[in-house]
Structures are given as C-alpha cells and as structure tokens.
Amino acid sequence: MFITHDLGVVAVDMPARVVMYAGRIVEQARMTDLFAHPAHPYTKAS
C-alpha cells in the first residue's frame, strides 16, 4: 500500500490505483484508465 495526495507519484507501475475521498473509496482503476477517464470529480480535479 502506498498513500499519497499526488497522482503524479502513483504513475509508477502498480497493478491498481484506488482513489479515496472523505474516507471512502470512490474509484479504482488501472493507471492508464484513471488518467484517461477519471470517473469521480475528485480524481478529475487532481
């Protein structure tokens, strides 16, 4: 597990990324999908 507020840091090769907002998981995706098609407004703003 690696925790950060900087999505640029998690661009390294990891199998999955989980985005949390207000203590809840709001999105989980592969890195390419997360950057290309963010689903949650918090992810889009990052």
C-alpha atoms as a PDB file:
ATOM      1  CA  MET A   1       0.000   0.000   0.000  1.00  0.00           C
ATOM      2  CA  PHE A   2       1.218   3.470  -0.893  1.00  0.00           C
ATOM      3  CA  ILE A   3      -0.687   6.576   0.198  1.00  0.00           C
ATOM      4  CA  THR A   4      -0.269   9.977  -1.447  1.00  0.00           C
ATOM      5  CA  HIS A   5      -2.233  13.069  -2.443  1.00  0.00           C
ATOM      6  CA  ASP A   6      -0.198  13.458  -5.635  1.00  0.00           C
ATOM      7  CA  LEU A   7      -1.454  11.342  -8.554  1.00  0.00           C
ATOM      8  CA  GLY A   8       1.782  12.013 -10.425  1.00  0.00           C
ATOM      9  CA  VAL A   9       3.583   9.977  -7.802  1.00  0.00           C
ATOM     10  CA  VAL A  10       1.430   6.904  -8.441  1.00  0.00           C
ATOM     11  CA  ALA A  11       2.177   6.885 -12.163  1.00  0.00           C
ATOM     12  CA  VAL A  12       4.729   4.160 -11.480  1.00  0.00           C
ATOM     13  CA  ASP A  13       3.909   0.596 -12.465  1.00  0.00           C
ATOM     14  CA  MET A  14       1.422  -0.739  -9.921  1.00  0.00           C
ATOM     15  CA  PRO A  15      -1.438  -3.111 -10.714  1.00  0.00           C
ATOM     16  CA  ALA A  16      -4.250  -0.865  -9.443  1.00  0.00           C
ATOM     17  CA  ARG A  17      -4.937   2.555  -8.025  1.00  0.00           C
ATOM     18  CA  VAL A  18      -7.638   3.374  -5.515  1.00  0.00           C
ATOM     19  CA  VAL A  19      -8.875   6.930  -5.088  1.00  0.00           C
ATOM     20  CA  MET A  20     -10.372   7.814  -1.733  1.00  0.00           C
ATOM     21  CA  TYR A  21     -12.434  10.857  -0.871  1.00  0.00           C
ATOM     22  CA  ALA A  22     -13.691  11.662   2.617  1.00  0.00           C
ATOM     23  CA  GLY A  23     -12.515   8.266   3.857  1.00  0.00           C
ATOM     24  CA  ARG A  24     -14.352   6.256   1.198  1.00  0.00           C
ATOM     25  CA  ILE A  25     -13.155   4.531  -1.955  1.00  0.00           C
ATOM     26  CA  VAL A  26     -14.672   6.445  -4.861  1.00  0.00           C
ATOM     27  CA  GLU A  27     -12.720   4.982  -7.763  1.00  0.00           C
ATOM     28  CA  GLN A  28     -10.446   2.061  -8.600  1.00  0.00           C
ATOM     29  CA  ALA A  29      -8.733   1.640 -11.969  1.00  0.00           C
ATOM     30  CA  ARG A  30      -5.549   0.915 -13.856  1.00  0.00           C
ATOM     31  CA  MET A  31      -3.298   3.955 -14.213  1.00  0.00           C
ATOM     32  CA  THR A  32      -3.973   4.478 -17.914  1.00  0.00           C
ATOM     33  CA  ASP A  33      -7.733   4.366 -17.346  1.00  0.00           C
ATOM     34  CA  LEU A  34      -7.547   6.576 -14.281  1.00  0.00           C
ATOM     35  CA  PHE A  35      -5.782   9.373 -16.156  1.00  0.00           C
ATOM     36  CA  ALA A  36      -7.663   8.942 -19.440  1.00  0.00           C
ATOM     37  CA  HIS A  37     -11.178   8.598 -17.995  1.00  0.00           C
ATOM     38  CA  PRO A  38     -11.444   9.723 -14.378  1.00  0.00           C
ATOM     39  CA  ALA A  39     -14.896   8.914 -13.071  1.00  0.00           C
ATOM     40  CA  HIS A  40     -15.056  10.942  -9.858  1.00  0.00           C
ATOM     41  CA  PRO A  41     -14.860  14.767  -9.656  1.00  0.00           C
ATOM     42  CA  TYR A  42     -12.108  14.496  -7.033  1.00  0.00           C
ATOM     43  CA  THR A  43      -9.977  12.438  -9.413  1.00  0.00           C
ATOM     44  CA  LYS A  44     -10.668  14.873 -12.270  1.00  0.00           C
ATOM     45  CA  ALA A  45      -9.544  17.799 -10.099  1.00  0.00           C
ATOM     46  CA  SER A  46      -6.290  16.101  -9.101  1.00  0.00           C
END
